[in-house]
Full PDB file with SEQRES, HELIX, SHEET, SSBOND, CRYST1, ORIGX, SCALE, CONECT and MASTER records, all heavy atoms in Angstrom:
SEQRES   1 A   34  ALA VAL ALA ASP TRP LEU LEU GLN LEU ARG GLU GLN GLU          
SEQRES   2 A   34  ARG ALA VAL ARG PRO PHE GLU GLN SER ALA LEU MET GLU          
SEQRES   3 A   34  VAL GLN GLY TRP SER ARG ILE GLY                              
HELIX    1 AA1 VAL A    2  ALA A   15  1                                  14    
HELIX    2 AA2 ARG A   17  PHE A   19  5                                   3    
HELIX    3 AA3 LEU A   24  TRP A   30  1                                   7    
CRYST1    1.000    1.000    1.000  90.00  90.00  90.00 P 1           1          
ORIGX1      1.000000  0.000000  0.000000        0.00000                         
ORIGX2      0.000000  1.000000  0.000000        0.00000                         
ORIGX3      0.000000  0.000000  1.000000        0.00000                         
SCALE1      1.000000  0.000000  0.000000        0.00000                         
SCALE2      0.000000  1.000000  0.000000        0.00000                         
SCALE3      0.000000  0.000000  1.000000        0.00000                         
ATOM      1  N   ALA A   1     187.467 176.822 133.406  1.00  0.00           N  
ATOM      2  CA  ALA A   1     187.083 175.415 133.534  1.00  0.00           C  
ATOM      3  C   ALA A   1     185.643 175.276 132.941  1.00  0.00           C  
ATOM      4  O   ALA A   1     184.837 176.188 133.101  1.00  0.00           O  
ATOM      5  CB  ALA A   1     187.100 174.988 134.993  1.00  0.00           C  
ATOM      6  N   VAL A   2     185.388 174.140 132.367  1.00  0.00           N  
ATOM      7  CA  VAL A   2     184.035 173.947 131.764  1.00  0.00           C  
ATOM      8  C   VAL A   2     182.945 174.146 132.757  1.00  0.00           C  
ATOM      9  O   VAL A   2     181.903 174.765 132.533  1.00  0.00           O  
ATOM     10  CB  VAL A   2     183.948 172.553 131.073  1.00  0.00           C  
ATOM     11  CG1 VAL A   2     182.522 172.286 130.588  1.00  0.00           C  
ATOM     12  CG2 VAL A   2     184.956 172.506 129.906  1.00  0.00           C  
ATOM     13  N   ALA A   3     183.087 173.534 133.964  1.00  0.00           N  
ATOM     14  CA  ALA A   3     182.020 173.670 134.958  1.00  0.00           C  
ATOM     15  C   ALA A   3     181.781 175.128 135.316  1.00  0.00           C  
ATOM     16  O   ALA A   3     180.609 175.541 135.472  1.00  0.00           O  
ATOM     17  CB  ALA A   3     182.430 172.861 136.210  1.00  0.00           C  
ATOM     18  N   ASP A   4     182.804 175.945 135.503  1.00  0.00           N  
ATOM     19  CA  ASP A   4     182.639 177.332 135.790  1.00  0.00           C  
ATOM     20  C   ASP A   4     181.993 178.067 134.680  1.00  0.00           C  
ATOM     21  O   ASP A   4     181.063 178.905 134.942  1.00  0.00           O  
ATOM     22  CB  ASP A   4     184.006 178.020 136.067  1.00  0.00           C  
ATOM     23  CG  ASP A   4     184.698 177.460 137.355  1.00  0.00           C  
ATOM     24  OD1 ASP A   4     183.943 176.953 138.228  1.00  0.00           O  
ATOM     25  OD2 ASP A   4     185.903 177.514 137.423  1.00  0.00           O  
ATOM     26  N   TRP A   5     182.337 177.753 133.409  1.00  0.00           N  
ATOM     27  CA  TRP A   5     181.705 178.378 132.289  1.00  0.00           C  
ATOM     28  C   TRP A   5     180.251 178.050 132.244  1.00  0.00           C  
ATOM     29  O   TRP A   5     179.386 178.877 131.940  1.00  0.00           O  
ATOM     30  CB  TRP A   5     182.439 177.939 131.033  1.00  0.00           C  
ATOM     31  CG  TRP A   5     181.852 178.621 129.762  1.00  0.00           C  
ATOM     32  CD1 TRP A   5     182.074 179.842 129.388  1.00  0.00           C  
ATOM     33  CD2 TRP A   5     181.000 178.012 128.807  1.00  0.00           C  
ATOM     34  NE1 TRP A   5     181.402 180.084 128.197  1.00  0.00           N  
ATOM     35  CE2 TRP A   5     180.727 178.985 127.882  1.00  0.00           C  
ATOM     36  CE3 TRP A   5     180.486 176.740 128.719  1.00  0.00           C  
ATOM     37  CZ2 TRP A   5     179.891 178.764 126.790  1.00  0.00           C  
ATOM     38  CZ3 TRP A   5     179.626 176.469 127.618  1.00  0.00           C  
ATOM     39  CH2 TRP A   5     179.352 177.519 126.641  1.00  0.00           C  
ATOM     40  N   LEU A   6     179.887 176.792 132.457  1.00  0.00           N  
ATOM     41  CA  LEU A   6     178.465 176.428 132.475  1.00  0.00           C  
ATOM     42  C   LEU A   6     177.680 177.098 133.544  1.00  0.00           C  
ATOM     43  O   LEU A   6     176.556 177.466 133.337  1.00  0.00           O  
ATOM     44  CB  LEU A   6     178.333 174.833 132.543  1.00  0.00           C  
ATOM     45  CG  LEU A   6     178.784 174.089 131.263  1.00  0.00           C  
ATOM     46  CD1 LEU A   6     178.786 172.592 131.568  1.00  0.00           C  
ATOM     47  CD2 LEU A   6     177.932 174.441 130.108  1.00  0.00           C  
ATOM     48  N   LEU A   7     178.237 177.281 134.710  1.00  0.00           N  
ATOM     49  CA  LEU A   7     177.565 177.932 135.821  1.00  0.00           C  
ATOM     50  C   LEU A   7     177.297 179.406 135.371  1.00  0.00           C  
ATOM     51  O   LEU A   7     176.230 179.923 135.631  1.00  0.00           O  
ATOM     52  CB  LEU A   7     178.452 177.888 137.127  1.00  0.00           C  
ATOM     53  CG  LEU A   7     178.406 176.540 137.826  1.00  0.00           C  
ATOM     54  CD1 LEU A   7     179.390 176.602 138.946  1.00  0.00           C  
ATOM     55  CD2 LEU A   7     177.002 176.242 138.338  1.00  0.00           C  
ATOM     56  N   GLN A   8     178.270 180.036 134.743  1.00  0.00           N  
ATOM     57  CA  GLN A   8     178.110 181.430 134.309  1.00  0.00           C  
ATOM     58  C   GLN A   8     177.048 181.494 133.178  1.00  0.00           C  
ATOM     59  O   GLN A   8     176.217 182.418 133.216  1.00  0.00           O  
ATOM     60  CB  GLN A   8     179.485 181.931 133.779  1.00  0.00           C  
ATOM     61  CG  GLN A   8     179.393 183.353 133.209  1.00  0.00           C  
ATOM     62  CD  GLN A   8     180.725 183.783 132.585  1.00  0.00           C  
ATOM     63  OE1 GLN A   8     181.674 183.024 132.522  1.00  0.00           O  
ATOM     64  NE2 GLN A   8     180.747 185.039 132.172  1.00  0.00           N  
ATOM     65  N   LEU A   9     177.034 180.528 132.381  1.00  0.00           N  
ATOM     66  CA  LEU A   9     176.011 180.485 131.259  1.00  0.00           C  
ATOM     67  C   LEU A   9     174.626 180.294 131.863  1.00  0.00           C  
ATOM     68  O   LEU A   9     173.683 180.925 131.485  1.00  0.00           O  
ATOM     69  CB  LEU A   9     176.346 179.343 130.360  1.00  0.00           C  
ATOM     70  CG  LEU A   9     175.519 179.262 129.080  1.00  0.00           C  
ATOM     71  CD1 LEU A   9     175.610 180.547 128.229  1.00  0.00           C  
ATOM     72  CD2 LEU A   9     175.956 178.071 128.218  1.00  0.00           C  
ATOM     73  N   ARG A  10     174.503 179.511 132.931  1.00  0.00           N  
ATOM     74  CA  ARG A  10     173.232 179.289 133.572  1.00  0.00           C  
ATOM     75  C   ARG A  10     172.738 180.565 134.201  1.00  0.00           C  
ATOM     76  O   ARG A  10     171.537 180.930 134.134  1.00  0.00           O  
ATOM     77  CB  ARG A  10     173.311 178.185 134.613  1.00  0.00           C  
ATOM     78  CG  ARG A  10     171.967 177.940 135.314  1.00  0.00           C  
ATOM     79  CD  ARG A  10     172.000 176.779 136.229  1.00  0.00           C  
ATOM     80  NE  ARG A  10     172.852 177.083 137.389  1.00  0.00           N  
ATOM     81  CZ  ARG A  10     173.104 176.275 138.393  1.00  0.00           C  
ATOM     82  NH1 ARG A  10     172.543 175.126 138.435  1.00  0.00           N  
ATOM     83  NH2 ARG A  10     173.881 176.627 139.318  1.00  0.00           N  
ATOM     84  N   GLU A  11     173.620 181.298 134.827  1.00  0.00           N  
ATOM     85  CA  GLU A  11     173.231 182.586 135.410  1.00  0.00           C  
ATOM     86  C   GLU A  11     172.791 183.603 134.367  1.00  0.00           C  
ATOM     87  O   GLU A  11     171.853 184.327 134.541  1.00  0.00           O  
ATOM     88  CB  GLU A  11     174.402 183.160 136.270  1.00  0.00           C  
ATOM     89  CG  GLU A  11     174.650 182.365 137.553  1.00  0.00           C  
ATOM     90  CD  GLU A  11     173.401 182.192 138.407  1.00  0.00           C  
ATOM     91  OE1 GLU A  11     172.702 183.178 138.643  1.00  0.00           O  
ATOM     92  OE2 GLU A  11     173.125 181.070 138.813  1.00  0.00           O  
ATOM     93  N   GLN A  12     173.480 183.585 133.235  1.00  0.00           N  
ATOM     94  CA  GLN A  12     173.081 184.491 132.128  1.00  0.00           C  
ATOM     95  C   GLN A  12     171.741 184.089 131.641  1.00  0.00           C  
ATOM     96  O   GLN A  12     170.850 184.978 131.360  1.00  0.00           O  
ATOM     97  CB  GLN A  12     174.129 184.363 130.977  1.00  0.00           C  
ATOM     98  CG  GLN A  12     173.798 185.343 129.817  1.00  0.00           C  
ATOM     99  CD  GLN A  12     174.873 185.243 128.771  1.00  0.00           C  
ATOM    100  OE1 GLN A  12     175.874 184.554 128.885  1.00  0.00           O  
ATOM    101  NE2 GLN A  12     174.650 185.994 127.694  1.00  0.00           N  
ATOM    102  N   GLU A  13     171.453 182.794 131.534  1.00  0.00           N  
ATOM    103  CA  GLU A  13     170.131 182.323 131.047  1.00  0.00           C  
ATOM    104  C   GLU A  13     169.026 182.763 132.028  1.00  0.00           C  
ATOM    105  O   GLU A  13     167.956 183.193 131.579  1.00  0.00           O  
ATOM    106  CB  GLU A  13     170.149 180.803 130.933  1.00  0.00           C  
ATOM    107  CG  GLU A  13     168.847 180.253 130.334  1.00  0.00           C  
ATOM    108  CD  GLU A  13     167.800 179.948 131.358  1.00  0.00           C  
ATOM    109  OE1 GLU A  13     168.152 179.743 132.532  1.00  0.00           O  
ATOM    110  OE2 GLU A  13     166.629 179.927 131.011  1.00  0.00           O  
ATOM    111  N   ARG A  14     169.264 182.671 133.344  1.00  0.00           N  
ATOM    112  CA  ARG A  14     168.317 183.108 134.289  1.00  0.00           C  
ATOM    113  C   ARG A  14     168.046 184.635 134.215  1.00  0.00           C  
ATOM    114  O   ARG A  14     166.904 185.050 134.389  1.00  0.00           O  
ATOM    115  CB  ARG A  14     168.808 182.794 135.702  1.00  0.00           C  
ATOM    116  CG  ARG A  14     168.723 181.332 136.097  1.00  0.00           C  
ATOM    117  CD  ARG A  14     169.204 181.051 137.438  1.00  0.00           C  
ATOM    118  NE  ARG A  14     169.032 179.693 137.786  1.00  0.00           N  
ATOM    119  CZ  ARG A  14     169.608 179.074 138.802  1.00  0.00           C  
ATOM    120  NH1 ARG A  14     170.293 179.727 139.596  1.00  0.00           N  
ATOM    121  NH2 ARG A  14     169.320 177.769 139.009  1.00  0.00           N  
ATOM    122  N   ALA A  15     169.004 185.334 133.900  1.00  0.00           N  
ATOM    123  CA  ALA A  15     168.877 186.856 133.733  1.00  0.00           C  
ATOM    124  C   ALA A  15     167.941 187.217 132.618  1.00  0.00           C  
ATOM    125  O   ALA A  15     167.316 188.297 132.669  1.00  0.00           O  
ATOM    126  CB  ALA A  15     170.256 187.516 133.624  1.00  0.00           C  
ATOM    127  N   VAL A  16     167.908 186.415 131.536  1.00  0.00           N  
ATOM    128  CA  VAL A  16     167.088 186.791 130.418  1.00  0.00           C  
ATOM    129  C   VAL A  16     165.709 186.094 130.483  1.00  0.00           C  
ATOM    130  O   VAL A  16     164.843 186.374 129.524  1.00  0.00           O  
ATOM    131  CB  VAL A  16     167.750 186.498 129.053  1.00  0.00           C  
ATOM    132  CG1 VAL A  16     169.027 187.240 128.870  1.00  0.00           C  
ATOM    133  CG2 VAL A  16     167.993 184.956 128.852  1.00  0.00           C  
ATOM    134  N   ARG A  17     165.454 185.382 131.522  1.00  0.00           N  
ATOM    135  CA  ARG A  17     164.125 184.732 131.597  1.00  0.00           C  
ATOM    136  C   ARG A  17     162.896 185.710 131.449  1.00  0.00           C  
ATOM    137  O   ARG A  17     161.873 185.244 130.888  1.00  0.00           O  
ATOM    138  CB  ARG A  17     163.998 183.963 132.906  1.00  0.00           C  
ATOM    139  CG  ARG A  17     164.464 182.549 132.771  1.00  0.00           C  
ATOM    140  CD  ARG A  17     163.862 181.660 133.834  1.00  0.00           C  
ATOM    141  NE  ARG A  17     164.623 180.502 133.836  1.00  0.00           N  
ATOM    142  CZ  ARG A  17     164.789 179.703 134.893  1.00  0.00           C  
ATOM    143  NH1 ARG A  17     164.180 180.024 135.980  1.00  0.00           N  
ATOM    144  NH2 ARG A  17     165.460 178.621 134.821  1.00  0.00           N  
ATOM    145  N   PRO A  18     162.978 186.862 131.907  1.00  0.00           N  
ATOM    146  CA  PRO A  18     161.791 187.761 131.745  1.00  0.00           C  
ATOM    147  C   PRO A  18     161.456 188.005 130.312  1.00  0.00           C  
ATOM    148  O   PRO A  18     160.378 188.412 129.989  1.00  0.00           O  
ATOM    149  CB  PRO A  18     162.238 189.068 132.456  1.00  0.00           C  
ATOM    150  CG  PRO A  18     163.286 188.665 133.441  1.00  0.00           C  
ATOM    151  CD  PRO A  18     163.975 187.486 132.821  1.00  0.00           C  
ATOM    152  N   PHE A  19     162.371 187.695 129.391  1.00  0.00           N  
ATOM    153  CA  PHE A  19     162.168 187.893 127.973  1.00  0.00           C  
ATOM    154  C   PHE A  19     161.819 186.621 127.214  1.00  0.00           C  
ATOM    155  O   PHE A  19     161.718 186.599 125.993  1.00  0.00           O  
ATOM    156  CB  PHE A  19     163.368 188.574 127.343  1.00  0.00           C  
ATOM    157  CG  PHE A  19     163.734 189.825 128.043  1.00  0.00           C  
ATOM    158  CD1 PHE A  19     164.753 189.844 128.998  1.00  0.00           C  
ATOM    159  CD2 PHE A  19     163.105 190.977 127.768  1.00  0.00           C  
ATOM    160  CE1 PHE A  19     165.140 191.028 129.664  1.00  0.00           C  
ATOM    161  CE2 PHE A  19     163.437 192.187 128.403  1.00  0.00           C  
ATOM    162  CZ  PHE A  19     164.417 192.221 129.369  1.00  0.00           C  
ATOM    163  N   GLU A  20     161.711 185.447 127.902  1.00  0.00           N  
ATOM    164  CA  GLU A  20     161.540 184.230 127.230  1.00  0.00           C  
ATOM    165  C   GLU A  20     160.298 184.066 126.419  1.00  0.00           C  
ATOM    166  O   GLU A  20     160.258 183.162 125.567  1.00  0.00           O  
ATOM    167  CB  GLU A  20     161.699 183.013 128.236  1.00  0.00           C  
ATOM    168  CG  GLU A  20     160.618 182.924 129.189  1.00  0.00           C  
ATOM    169  CD  GLU A  20     160.855 181.845 130.241  1.00  0.00           C  
ATOM    170  OE1 GLU A  20     161.896 181.176 130.212  1.00  0.00           O  
ATOM    171  OE2 GLU A  20     160.011 181.682 131.135  1.00  0.00           O  
ATOM    172  N   GLN A  21     159.308 184.892 126.643  1.00  0.00           N  
ATOM    173  CA  GLN A  21     158.097 184.784 125.813  1.00  0.00           C  
ATOM    174  C   GLN A  21     158.121 185.788 124.642  1.00  0.00           C  
ATOM    175  O   GLN A  21     157.123 185.950 123.929  1.00  0.00           O  
ATOM    176  CB  GLN A  21     156.904 185.131 126.712  1.00  0.00           C  
ATOM    177  CG  GLN A  21     156.666 184.092 127.818  1.00  0.00           C  
ATOM    178  CD  GLN A  21     156.452 182.660 127.235  1.00  0.00           C  
ATOM    179  OE1 GLN A  21     155.735 182.451 126.243  1.00  0.00           O  
ATOM    180  NE2 GLN A  21     156.998 181.701 127.895  1.00  0.00           N  
ATOM    181  N   SER A  22     159.260 186.421 124.419  1.00  0.00           N  
ATOM    182  CA  SER A  22     159.390 187.382 123.316  1.00  0.00           C  
ATOM    183  C   SER A  22     159.423 186.638 121.929  1.00  0.00           C  
ATOM    184  O   SER A  22     160.012 185.548 121.875  1.00  0.00           O  
ATOM    185  CB  SER A  22     160.704 188.159 123.475  1.00  0.00           C  
ATOM    186  OG  SER A  22     160.721 188.845 124.650  1.00  0.00           O  
ATOM    187  N   ALA A  23     158.793 187.236 120.994  1.00  0.00           N  
ATOM    188  CA  ALA A  23     158.850 186.643 119.605  1.00  0.00           C  
ATOM    189  C   ALA A  23     160.218 186.842 119.050  1.00  0.00           C  
ATOM    190  O   ALA A  23     160.905 187.823 119.285  1.00  0.00           O  
ATOM    191  CB  ALA A  23     157.774 187.352 118.776  1.00  0.00           C  
ATOM    192  N   LEU A  24     160.639 185.841 118.205  1.00  0.00           N  
ATOM    193  CA  LEU A  24     161.969 185.936 117.594  1.00  0.00           C  
ATOM    194  C   LEU A  24     162.081 187.240 116.731  1.00  0.00           C  
ATOM    195  O   LEU A  24     163.155 187.780 116.618  1.00  0.00           O  
ATOM    196  CB  LEU A  24     162.262 184.677 116.772  1.00  0.00           C  
ATOM    197  CG  LEU A  24     162.635 183.451 117.607  1.00  0.00           C  
ATOM    198  CD1 LEU A  24     162.907 182.257 116.720  1.00  0.00           C  
ATOM    199  CD2 LEU A  24     163.876 183.741 118.449  1.00  0.00           C  
ATOM    200  N   MET A  25     160.991 187.602 116.088  1.00  0.00           N  
ATOM    201  CA  MET A  25     161.042 188.860 115.320  1.00  0.00           C  
ATOM    202  C   MET A  25     161.370 190.071 116.143  1.00  0.00           C  
ATOM    203  O   MET A  25     162.126 190.964 115.762  1.00  0.00           O  
ATOM    204  CB  MET A  25     159.703 189.111 114.623  1.00  0.00           C  
ATOM    205  CG  MET A  25     159.368 188.018 113.582  1.00  0.00           C  
ATOM    206  SD  MET A  25     159.856 188.340 111.915  1.00  0.00           S  
ATOM    207  CE  MET A  25     159.312 189.918 111.565  1.00  0.00           C  
ATOM    208  N   GLU A  26     160.832 190.056 117.413  1.00  0.00           N  
ATOM    209  CA  GLU A  26     161.075 191.176 118.361  1.00  0.00           C  
ATOM    210  C   GLU A  26     162.550 191.069 118.805  1.00  0.00           C  
ATOM    211  O   GLU A  26     163.267 192.122 118.880  1.00  0.00           O  
ATOM    212  CB  GLU A  26     160.130 190.996 119.529  1.00  0.00           C  
ATOM    213  CG  GLU A  26     160.107 192.177 120.493  1.00  0.00           C  
ATOM    214  CD  GLU A  26     159.022 191.989 121.498  1.00  0.00           C  
ATOM    215  OE1 GLU A  26     158.515 190.919 121.776  1.00  0.00           O  
ATOM    216  OE2 GLU A  26     158.701 193.040 122.083  1.00  0.00           O  
ATOM    217  N   VAL A  27     163.044 189.908 119.116  1.00  0.00           N  
ATOM    218  CA  VAL A  27     164.442 189.740 119.475  1.00  0.00           C  
ATOM    219  C   VAL A  27     165.369 190.176 118.363  1.00  0.00           C  
ATOM    220  O   VAL A  27     166.393 190.838 118.630  1.00  0.00           O  
ATOM    221  CB  VAL A  27     164.715 188.282 119.899  1.00  0.00           C  
ATOM    222  CG1 VAL A  27     166.194 188.053 120.126  1.00  0.00           C  
ATOM    223  CG2 VAL A  27     163.886 187.858 121.097  1.00  0.00           C  
ATOM    224  N   GLN A  28     165.005 189.855 117.139  1.00  0.00           N  
ATOM    225  CA  GLN A  28     165.802 190.288 115.966  1.00  0.00           C  
ATOM    226  C   GLN A  28     165.942 191.789 115.955  1.00  0.00           C  
ATOM    227  O   GLN A  28     166.976 192.342 115.670  1.00  0.00           O  
ATOM    228  CB  GLN A  28     165.189 189.788 114.635  1.00  0.00           C  
ATOM    229  CG  GLN A  28     165.935 190.212 113.435  1.00  0.00           C  
ATOM    230  CD  GLN A  28     167.062 189.314 113.056  1.00  0.00           C  
ATOM    231  OE1 GLN A  28     166.953 188.129 113.210  1.00  0.00           O  
ATOM    232  NE2 GLN A  28     168.163 189.901 112.581  1.00  0.00           N  
ATOM    233  N   GLY A  29     164.832 192.511 116.261  1.00  0.00           N  
ATOM    234  CA  GLY A  29     164.853 193.890 116.299  1.00  0.00           C  
ATOM    235  C   GLY A  29     165.760 194.500 117.374  1.00  0.00           C  
ATOM    236  O   GLY A  29     166.292 195.584 117.210  1.00  0.00           O  
ATOM    237  N   TRP A  30     165.829 193.829 118.491  1.00  0.00           N  
ATOM    238  CA  TRP A  30     166.677 194.336 119.595  1.00  0.00           C  
ATOM    239  C   TRP A  30     168.129 194.063 119.376  1.00  0.00           C  
ATOM    240  O   TRP A  30     168.954 194.721 119.970  1.00  0.00           O  
ATOM    241  CB  TRP A  30     166.244 193.618 120.890  1.00  0.00           C  
ATOM    242  CG  TRP A  30     164.907 193.880 121.343  1.00  0.00           C  
ATOM    243  CD1 TRP A  30     164.107 194.976 121.123  1.00  0.00           C  
ATOM    244  CD2 TRP A  30     164.131 192.982 122.196  1.00  0.00           C  
ATOM    245  NE1 TRP A  30     162.886 194.863 121.738  1.00  0.00           N  
ATOM    246  CE2 TRP A  30     162.862 193.677 122.414  1.00  0.00           C  
ATOM    247  CE3 TRP A  30     164.276 191.742 122.723  1.00  0.00           C  
ATOM    248  CZ2 TRP A  30     161.848 193.056 123.190  1.00  0.00           C  
ATOM    249  CZ3 TRP A  30     163.279 191.172 123.473  1.00  0.00           C  
ATOM    250  CH2 TRP A  30     162.103 191.844 123.735  1.00  0.00           C  
ATOM    251  N   SER A  31     168.470 193.053 118.496  1.00  0.00           N  
ATOM    252  CA  SER A  31     169.797 192.673 118.375  1.00  0.00           C  
ATOM    253  C   SER A  31     170.560 193.594 117.407  1.00  0.00           C  
ATOM    254  O   SER A  31     169.970 194.434 116.730  1.00  0.00           O  
ATOM    255  CB  SER A  31     169.916 191.225 117.816  1.00  0.00           C  
ATOM    256  OG  SER A  31     169.555 191.251 116.453  1.00  0.00           O  
ATOM    257  N   ARG A  32     171.866 193.418 117.360  1.00  0.00           N  
ATOM    258  CA  ARG A  32     172.694 194.152 116.419  1.00  0.00           C  
ATOM    259  C   ARG A  32     172.896 193.353 115.116  1.00  0.00           C  
ATOM    260  O   ARG A  32     173.779 193.687 114.278  1.00  0.00           O  
ATOM    261  CB  ARG A  32     174.050 194.543 117.035  1.00  0.00           C  
ATOM    262  CG  ARG A  32     173.904 195.522 118.149  1.00  0.00           C  
ATOM    263  CD  ARG A  32     175.246 195.904 118.712  1.00  0.00           C  
ATOM    264  NE  ARG A  32     175.265 195.603 120.097  1.00  0.00           N  
ATOM    265  CZ  ARG A  32     176.300 195.351 120.884  1.00  0.00           C  
ATOM    266  NH1 ARG A  32     177.478 195.372 120.347  1.00  0.00           N  
ATOM    267  NH2 ARG A  32     176.194 195.083 122.132  1.00  0.00           N  
ATOM    268  N   ILE A  33     172.189 192.255 115.071  1.00  0.00           N  
ATOM    269  CA  ILE A  33     172.334 191.403 113.853  1.00  0.00           C  
ATOM    270  C   ILE A  33     171.411 191.885 112.797  1.00  0.00           C  
ATOM    271  O   ILE A  33     170.207 192.112 113.060  1.00  0.00           O  
ATOM    272  CB  ILE A  33     171.993 189.941 114.266  1.00  0.00           C  
ATOM    273  CG1 ILE A  33     173.057 189.418 115.310  1.00  0.00           C  
ATOM    274  CG2 ILE A  33     172.052 189.057 113.044  1.00  0.00           C  
ATOM    275  CD1 ILE A  33     172.688 188.153 115.917  1.00  0.00           C  
ATOM    276  N   GLY A  34     171.872 192.027 111.630  1.00  0.00           N  
ATOM    277  CA  GLY A  34     171.118 192.562 110.518  1.00  0.00           C  
ATOM    278  C   GLY A  34     169.981 191.650 110.061  1.00  0.00           C  
ATOM    279  O   GLY A  34     169.997 190.460 110.277  1.00  0.00           O  
TER     280      GLY A  34                                                      
MASTER        0    0    0    3    0    0    0    6  279    1    0    3          
END                                                                             
């Protein structure tokens, strides 16, 4: 259900908050995206 999916997405967003001040270049380095 959309509401359940949005709740899950919100929890995922809260989990990454400690990284919200990271530079996009740093995030690029952590990712598997070339």
